[in-house]
Amino acid sequence: MLDYDAEAARYDATRGGRERAAAAAAAVHGLLPERLTRVLDIAGGTGSVASELAALGREVAVGDLSLGMLRVAQRRLPGSQVRLDAKRLPVADSSLDAVTSVWLLHLLPARVVEGVLDEAARVLRPGGRYVTTVDKAAGDARDSRDGLVNDRRADVTAGLEARGLTEVGSAEFVGGITREGRPAPRYTLVAFEKPATR
């Protein structure tokens, strides 16, 4: 597993930099109605995607377990960071408009993914949305380091439907560093909505 504290200073440069972050943020933004302004980006790392999303008018907080990553995020979004475990969010029930996790689920064992989905569903207010990347290995064949594939769209969708959320849209974006003559990776985001109370 990557040491994110040690990697923080060079992380963005090795992952496509601002161009990839801007593409991801634009895709997330397009999946969130304007009424959903308060966003928690879990495992938001250096805040690269969160800062681009904030520039599009969202009020974004970056949550991550790595202090090294959060130090970099602090420079981008001063005062908008929180150290957290994605399986135990320090947030009240039904309190957030939106939760995002970009490039997270594919890194986690299945039991941890279940905890992340539980927490995303718990903290969303009625009408709120969870937006996450899925099928990362399909978008970037180079990313199979740990042999974990726990971000399959069908599995994530089934898991969130079991928690009462409904898939309401998806988007694709291109980003990343091209290597060995390969095209830039293509990623898929899916949005799930918590039903409004009646």
C-alpha atoms as a PDB file:
ATOM      1  CA  MET A   1       0.000   0.000   0.000  1.00  0.00           C
ATOM      2  CA  LEU A   2       1.233   3.473  -0.864  1.00  0.00           C
ATOM      3  CA  ASP A   3       2.538   5.647   1.990  1.00  0.00           C
ATOM      4  CA  TYR A   4       0.325   8.679   1.351  1.00  0.00           C
ATOM      5  CA  ASP A   5       2.122  10.866   3.909  1.00  0.00           C
ATOM      6  CA  ALA A   6       5.444  10.341   2.133  1.00  0.00           C
ATOM      7  CA  GLU A   7       3.880  10.637  -1.321  1.00  0.00           C
ATOM      8  CA  ALA A   8       1.847  13.806  -0.645  1.00  0.00           C
ATOM      9  CA  ALA A   9       4.325  16.377  -1.995  1.00  0.00           C
ATOM     10  CA  ARG A  10       4.603  14.706  -5.399  1.00  0.00           C
ATOM     11  CA  TYR A  11       1.226  12.955  -5.540  1.00  0.00           C
ATOM     12  CA  ASP A  12      -0.558  15.343  -7.920  1.00  0.00           C
ATOM     13  CA  ALA A  13       2.353  15.564 -10.370  1.00  0.00           C
ATOM     14  CA  THR A  14       2.383  11.779 -10.714  1.00  0.00           C
ATOM     15  CA  ARG A  15      -1.397  11.534 -11.186  1.00  0.00           C
ATOM     16  CA  GLY A  16      -2.190  14.042 -13.923  1.00  0.00           C
ATOM     17  CA  GLY A  17      -2.068  17.259 -11.920  1.00  0.00           C
ATOM     18  CA  ARG A  18      -4.558  20.077 -12.251  1.00  0.00           C
ATOM     19  CA  GLU A  19      -5.849  18.910 -15.641  1.00  0.00           C
ATOM     20  CA  ARG A  20      -7.095  15.597 -14.245  1.00  0.00           C
ATOM     21  CA  ALA A  21      -8.461  17.230 -11.085  1.00  0.00           C
ATOM     22  CA  ALA A  22     -10.353  19.841 -13.122  1.00  0.00           C
ATOM     23  CA  ALA A  23     -11.854  17.146 -15.360  1.00  0.00           C
ATOM     24  CA  ALA A  24     -12.974  15.127 -12.329  1.00  0.00           C
ATOM     25  CA  ALA A  25     -14.428  18.192 -10.592  1.00  0.00           C
ATOM     26  CA  ALA A  26     -16.347  19.269 -13.694  1.00  0.00           C
ATOM     27  CA  ALA A  27     -17.874  15.789 -13.963  1.00  0.00           C
ATOM     28  CA  VAL A  28     -18.821  15.750 -10.260  1.00  0.00           C
ATOM     29  CA  HIS A  29     -20.266  19.268 -10.553  1.00  0.00           C
ATOM     30  CA  GLY A  30     -22.426  18.162 -13.474  1.00  0.00           C
ATOM     31  CA  LEU A  31     -23.936  15.366 -11.356  1.00  0.00           C
ATOM     32  CA  LEU A  32     -24.914  17.694  -8.492  1.00  0.00           C
ATOM     33  CA  PRO A  33     -27.946  19.972  -8.792  1.00  0.00           C
ATOM     34  CA  GLU A  34     -27.180  23.575  -7.819  1.00  0.00           C
ATOM     35  CA  ARG A  35     -29.254  23.205  -4.635  1.00  0.00           C
ATOM     36  CA  LEU A  36     -26.638  20.792  -3.269  1.00  0.00           C
ATOM     37  CA  THR A  37     -23.907  23.146  -2.122  1.00  0.00           C
ATOM     38  CA  ARG A  38     -22.274  21.535   0.975  1.00  0.00           C
ATOM     39  CA  VAL A  39     -19.937  18.725  -0.101  1.00  0.00           C
ATOM     40  CA  LEU A  40     -17.618  16.430   1.853  1.00  0.00           C
ATOM     41  CA  ASP A  41     -14.900  14.907  -0.327  1.00  0.00           C
ATOM     42  CA  ILE A  42     -13.866  11.763   1.546  1.00  0.00           C
ATOM     43  CA  ALA A  43     -10.354  10.493   0.861  1.00  0.00           C
ATOM     44  CA  GLY A  44      -9.890  13.844  -0.847  1.00  0.00           C
ATOM     45  CA  GLY A  45      -6.122  13.669  -0.474  1.00  0.00           C
ATOM     46  CA  THR A  46      -4.340  16.830  -1.531  1.00  0.00           C
ATOM     47  CA  GLY A  47      -7.604  18.643  -2.189  1.00  0.00           C
ATOM     48  CA  SER A  48      -6.925  18.896  -5.910  1.00  0.00           C
ATOM     49  CA  VAL A  49     -10.428  17.818  -6.950  1.00  0.00           C
ATOM     50  CA  ALA A  50     -12.071  19.601  -3.995  1.00  0.00           C
ATOM     51  CA  SER A  51     -10.405  22.929  -4.806  1.00  0.00           C
ATOM     52  CA  GLU A  52     -11.541  22.708  -8.434  1.00  0.00           C
ATOM     53  CA  LEU A  53     -15.062  21.876  -7.237  1.00  0.00           C
ATOM     54  CA  ALA A  54     -14.958  24.853  -4.850  1.00  0.00           C
ATOM     55  CA  ALA A  55     -13.968  27.082  -7.768  1.00  0.00           C
ATOM     56  CA  LEU A  56     -17.217  25.952  -9.435  1.00  0.00           C
ATOM     57  CA  GLY A  57     -19.227  27.326  -6.506  1.00  0.00           C
ATOM     58  CA  ARG A  58     -19.513  24.416  -4.070  1.00  0.00           C
ATOM     59  CA  GLU A  59     -18.674  24.644  -0.359  1.00  0.00           C
ATOM     60  CA  VAL A  60     -16.248  21.725  -0.066  1.00  0.00           C
ATOM     61  CA  ALA A  61     -14.478  20.137   2.889  1.00  0.00           C
ATOM     62  CA  VAL A  62     -11.661  17.665   2.294  1.00  0.00           C
ATOM     63  CA  GLY A  63     -11.513  14.611   4.525  1.00  0.00           C
ATOM     64  CA  ASP A  64      -8.582  12.218   4.547  1.00  0.00           C
ATOM     65  CA  LEU A  65      -6.736   9.892   6.899  1.00  0.00           C
ATOM     66  CA  SER A  66      -3.292  11.082   5.761  1.00  0.00           C
ATOM     67  CA  LEU A  67      -1.909  14.140   7.554  1.00  0.00           C
ATOM     68  CA  GLY A  68       0.605  14.635   4.746  1.00  0.00           C
ATOM     69  CA  MET A  69      -2.174  14.858   2.184  1.00  0.00           C
ATOM     70  CA  LEU A  70      -4.198  17.198   4.393  1.00  0.00           C
ATOM     71  CA  ARG A  71      -1.207  19.554   4.753  1.00  0.00           C
ATOM     72  CA  VAL A  72      -1.153  19.934   0.967  1.00  0.00           C
ATOM     73  CA  ALA A  73      -4.961  20.357   0.924  1.00  0.00           C
ATOM     74  CA  GLN A  74      -4.648  23.120   3.553  1.00  0.00           C
ATOM     75  CA  ARG A  75      -2.721  25.246   1.051  1.00  0.00           C
ATOM     76  CA  ARG A  76      -5.509  24.847  -1.511  1.00  0.00           C
ATOM     77  CA  LEU A  77      -8.553  25.211   0.751  1.00  0.00           C
ATOM     78  CA  PRO A  78      -7.459  26.826   4.027  1.00  0.00           C
ATOM     79  CA  GLY A  79      -9.548  25.706   6.990  1.00  0.00           C
ATOM     80  CA  SER A  80     -11.554  23.162   5.016  1.00  0.00           C
ATOM     81  CA  GLN A  81      -9.823  19.932   6.013  1.00  0.00           C
ATOM     82  CA  VAL A  82     -10.658  17.237   8.530  1.00  0.00           C
ATOM     83  CA  ARG A  83      -8.773  14.097   9.386  1.00  0.00           C
ATOM     84  CA  LEU A  84     -11.225  11.244   9.175  1.00  0.00           C
ATOM     85  CA  ASP A  85     -11.752   7.576   8.610  1.00  0.00           C
ATOM     86  CA  ALA A  86     -14.185   7.075   5.724  1.00  0.00           C
ATOM     87  CA  LYS A  87     -15.804   4.216   7.668  1.00  0.00           C
ATOM     88  CA  ARG A  88     -16.644   6.485  10.643  1.00  0.00           C
ATOM     89  CA  LEU A  89     -17.380   9.997   9.453  1.00  0.00           C
ATOM     90  CA  PRO A  90     -17.429  12.665  12.195  1.00  0.00           C
ATOM     91  CA  VAL A  91     -20.653  14.083  10.774  1.00  0.00           C
ATOM     92  CA  ALA A  92     -24.232  14.063  12.073  1.00  0.00           C
ATOM     93  CA  ASP A  93     -26.891  11.936  10.413  1.00  0.00           C
ATOM     94  CA  SER A  94     -28.662  13.516   7.424  1.00  0.00           C
ATOM     95  CA  SER A  95     -26.521  16.656   7.512  1.00  0.00           C
ATOM     96  CA  LEU A  96     -24.712  16.920   4.152  1.00  0.00           C
ATOM     97  CA  ASP A  97     -25.939  17.859   0.703  1.00  0.00           C
ATOM     98  CA  ALA A  98     -23.359  15.678  -1.044  1.00  0.00           C
ATOM     99  CA  VAL A  99     -20.516  13.275  -0.399  1.00  0.00           C
ATOM    100  CA  THR A 100     -17.883  12.406  -2.994  1.00  0.00           C
ATOM    101  CA  SER A 101     -15.206   9.746  -3.184  1.00  0.00           C
ATOM    102  CA  VAL A 102     -13.044   9.939  -6.269  1.00  0.00           C
ATOM    103  CA  TRP A 103     -10.596   7.062  -6.755  1.00  0.00           C
ATOM    104  CA  LEU A 104     -11.250   5.483  -3.351  1.00  0.00           C
ATOM    105  CA  LEU A 105     -13.355   2.337  -3.494  1.00  0.00           C
ATOM    106  CA  HIS A 106     -10.983   0.419  -5.791  1.00  0.00           C
ATOM    107  CA  LEU A 107      -8.281   0.666  -3.084  1.00  0.00           C
ATOM    108  CA  LEU A 108     -10.348  -0.920  -0.317  1.00  0.00           C
ATOM    109  CA  PRO A 109     -11.228  -4.449   0.769  1.00  0.00           C
ATOM    110  CA  ALA A 110     -14.901  -5.306   0.303  1.00  0.00           C
ATOM    111  CA  ARG A 111     -15.729  -5.069   4.028  1.00  0.00           C
ATOM    112  CA  VAL A 112     -14.292  -1.538   4.157  1.00  0.00           C
ATOM    113  CA  VAL A 113     -16.241  -0.518   1.040  1.00  0.00           C
ATOM    114  CA  GLU A 114     -19.394  -1.618   2.897  1.00  0.00           C
ATOM    115  CA  GLY A 115     -18.505   0.734   5.767  1.00  0.00           C
ATOM    116  CA  VAL A 116     -17.891   3.644   3.375  1.00  0.00           C
ATOM    117  CA  LEU A 117     -21.268   3.087   1.711  1.00  0.00           C
ATOM    118  CA  ASP A 118     -22.974   2.875   5.117  1.00  0.00           C
ATOM    119  CA  GLU A 119     -21.491   6.206   6.154  1.00  0.00           C
ATOM    120  CA  ALA A 120     -22.235   7.987   2.883  1.00  0.00           C
ATOM    121  CA  ALA A 121     -25.882   6.933   3.141  1.00  0.00           C
ATOM    122  CA  ARG A 122     -26.056   7.907   6.813  1.00  0.00           C
ATOM    123  CA  VAL A 123     -24.722  11.457   6.508  1.00  0.00           C
ATOM    124  CA  LEU A 124     -26.664  12.508   3.395  1.00  0.00           C
ATOM    125  CA  ARG A 125     -29.727  14.627   3.956  1.00  0.00           C
ATOM    126  CA  PRO A 126     -32.914  13.600   2.113  1.00  0.00           C
ATOM    127  CA  GLY A 127     -32.431  14.585  -1.519  1.00  0.00           C
ATOM    128  CA  GLY A 128     -28.645  14.526  -1.078  1.00  0.00           C
ATOM    129  CA  ARG A 129     -26.257  12.726  -3.416  1.00  0.00           C
ATOM    130  CA  TYR A 130     -23.250  10.455  -3.171  1.00  0.00           C
ATOM    131  CA  VAL A 131     -20.933  10.616  -6.198  1.00  0.00           C
ATOM    132  CA  THR A 132     -18.150   8.086  -6.636  1.00  0.00           C
ATOM    133  CA  THR A 133     -15.842   6.682  -9.272  1.00  0.00           C
ATOM    134  CA  VAL A 134     -16.496   3.099 -10.300  1.00  0.00           C
ATOM    135  CA  ASP A 135     -14.789   0.510 -12.500  1.00  0.00           C
ATOM    136  CA  LYS A 136     -11.389   2.211 -12.200  1.00  0.00           C
ATOM    137  CA  ALA A 137      -9.514  -0.796 -13.541  1.00  0.00           C
ATOM    138  CA  ALA A 138     -11.605  -0.635 -16.723  1.00  0.00           C
ATOM    139  CA  GLY A 139     -10.660   3.015 -17.205  1.00  0.00           C
ATOM    140  CA  ASP A 140      -6.995   2.597 -16.383  1.00  0.00           C
ATOM    141  CA  ALA A 141      -5.629  -0.894 -16.996  1.00  0.00           C
ATOM    142  CA  ARG A 142      -2.351   0.083 -15.306  1.00  0.00           C
ATOM    143  CA  ASP A 143      -4.044   0.323 -11.900  1.00  0.00           C
ATOM    144  CA  SER A 144      -4.227  -3.238 -10.638  1.00  0.00           C
ATOM    145  CA  ARG A 145      -1.496  -3.066  -7.972  1.00  0.00           C
ATOM    146  CA  ASP A 146      -3.297  -4.756  -5.109  1.00  0.00           C
ATOM    147  CA  GLY A 147      -5.610  -7.011  -7.056  1.00  0.00           C
ATOM    148  CA  LEU A 148      -8.588  -5.313  -5.367  1.00  0.00           C
ATOM    149  CA  VAL A 149     -11.594  -4.691  -7.578  1.00  0.00           C
ATOM    150  CA  ASN A 150     -14.274  -3.562  -5.157  1.00  0.00           C
ATOM    151  CA  ASP A 151     -15.564  -0.648  -7.188  1.00  0.00           C
ATOM    152  CA  ARG A 152     -17.550  -2.565  -9.797  1.00  0.00           C
ATOM    153  CA  ARG A 153     -20.470  -0.411 -10.807  1.00  0.00           C
ATOM    154  CA  ALA A 154     -23.026  -3.203 -10.426  1.00  0.00           C
ATOM    155  CA  ASP A 155     -21.790  -4.011  -6.913  1.00  0.00           C
ATOM    156  CA  VAL A 156     -21.652  -0.368  -5.794  1.00  0.00           C
ATOM    157  CA  THR A 157     -25.128   0.252  -7.209  1.00  0.00           C
ATOM    158  CA  ALA A 158     -26.552  -2.831  -5.472  1.00  0.00           C
ATOM    159  CA  GLY A 159     -24.889  -1.824  -2.203  1.00  0.00           C
ATOM    160  CA  LEU A 160     -26.309   1.684  -2.296  1.00  0.00           C
ATOM    161  CA  GLU A 161     -29.760   0.534  -3.377  1.00  0.00           C
ATOM    162  CA  ALA A 162     -29.755  -1.762  -0.332  1.00  0.00           C
ATOM    163  CA  ARG A 163     -29.149   1.399   1.724  1.00  0.00           C
ATOM    164  CA  GLY A 164     -32.074   3.213   0.112  1.00  0.00           C
ATOM    165  CA  LEU A 165     -30.177   5.296  -2.468  1.00  0.00           C
ATOM    166  CA  THR A 166     -31.077   5.332  -6.151  1.00  0.00           C
ATOM    167  CA  GLU A 167     -28.743   5.787  -9.111  1.00  0.00           C
ATOM    168  CA  VAL A 168     -29.641   9.089 -10.776  1.00  0.00           C
ATOM    169  CA  GLY A 169     -26.880   9.707 -13.284  1.00  0.00           C
ATOM    170  CA  SER A 170     -23.367   9.077 -14.474  1.00  0.00           C
ATOM    171  CA  ALA A 171     -20.581  10.890 -16.268  1.00  0.00           C
ATOM    172  CA  GLU A 172     -17.209  10.110 -17.771  1.00  0.00           C
ATOM    173  CA  PHE A 173     -14.047  12.161 -17.833  1.00  0.00           C
ATOM    174  CA  VAL A 174     -10.575  11.740 -19.237  1.00  0.00           C
ATOM    175  CA  GLY A 175      -7.491  12.493 -17.235  1.00  0.00           C
ATOM    176  CA  GLY A 176      -4.111  11.359 -16.135  1.00  0.00           C
ATOM    177  CA  ILE A 177      -0.679  10.909 -17.502  1.00  0.00           C
ATOM    178  CA  THR A 178      -0.337   8.946 -20.717  1.00  0.00           C
ATOM    179  CA  ARG A 179       2.446   6.374 -20.770  1.00  0.00           C
ATOM    180  CA  GLU A 180       3.918   4.098 -23.381  1.00  0.00           C
ATOM    181  CA  GLY A 181       1.768   5.527 -26.155  1.00  0.00           C
ATOM    182  CA  ARG A 182      -1.495   4.637 -24.403  1.00  0.00           C
ATOM    183  CA  PRO A 183      -4.409   7.054 -24.423  1.00  0.00           C
ATOM    184  CA  ALA A 184      -5.224   8.967 -21.250  1.00  0.00           C
ATOM    185  CA  PRO A 185      -7.364   6.926 -18.849  1.00  0.00           C
ATOM    186  CA  ARG A 186     -11.148   7.346 -18.965  1.00  0.00           C
ATOM    187  CA  TYR A 187     -13.047   7.266 -15.667  1.00  0.00           C
ATOM    188  CA  THR A 188     -16.698   6.803 -14.727  1.00  0.00           C
ATOM    189  CA  LEU A 189     -18.549   8.643 -11.963  1.00  0.00           C
ATOM    190  CA  VAL A 190     -21.983   7.586 -10.735  1.00  0.00           C
ATOM    191  CA  ALA A 191     -24.402   9.662  -8.642  1.00  0.00           C
ATOM    192  CA  PHE A 192     -26.823   8.142  -6.132  1.00  0.00           C
ATOM    193  CA  GLU A 193     -29.614  10.077  -4.424  1.00  0.00           C
ATOM    194  CA  LYS A 194     -31.122   9.611  -0.980  1.00  0.00           C
ATOM    195  CA  PRO A 195     -34.897   9.824  -1.291  1.00  0.00           C
ATOM    196  CA  ALA A 196     -36.564  12.978  -0.056  1.00  0.00           C
ATOM    197  CA  THR A 197     -38.808  12.520   2.974  1.00  0.00           C
ATOM    198  CA  ARG A 198     -42.514  12.645   2.379  1.00  0.00           C
END
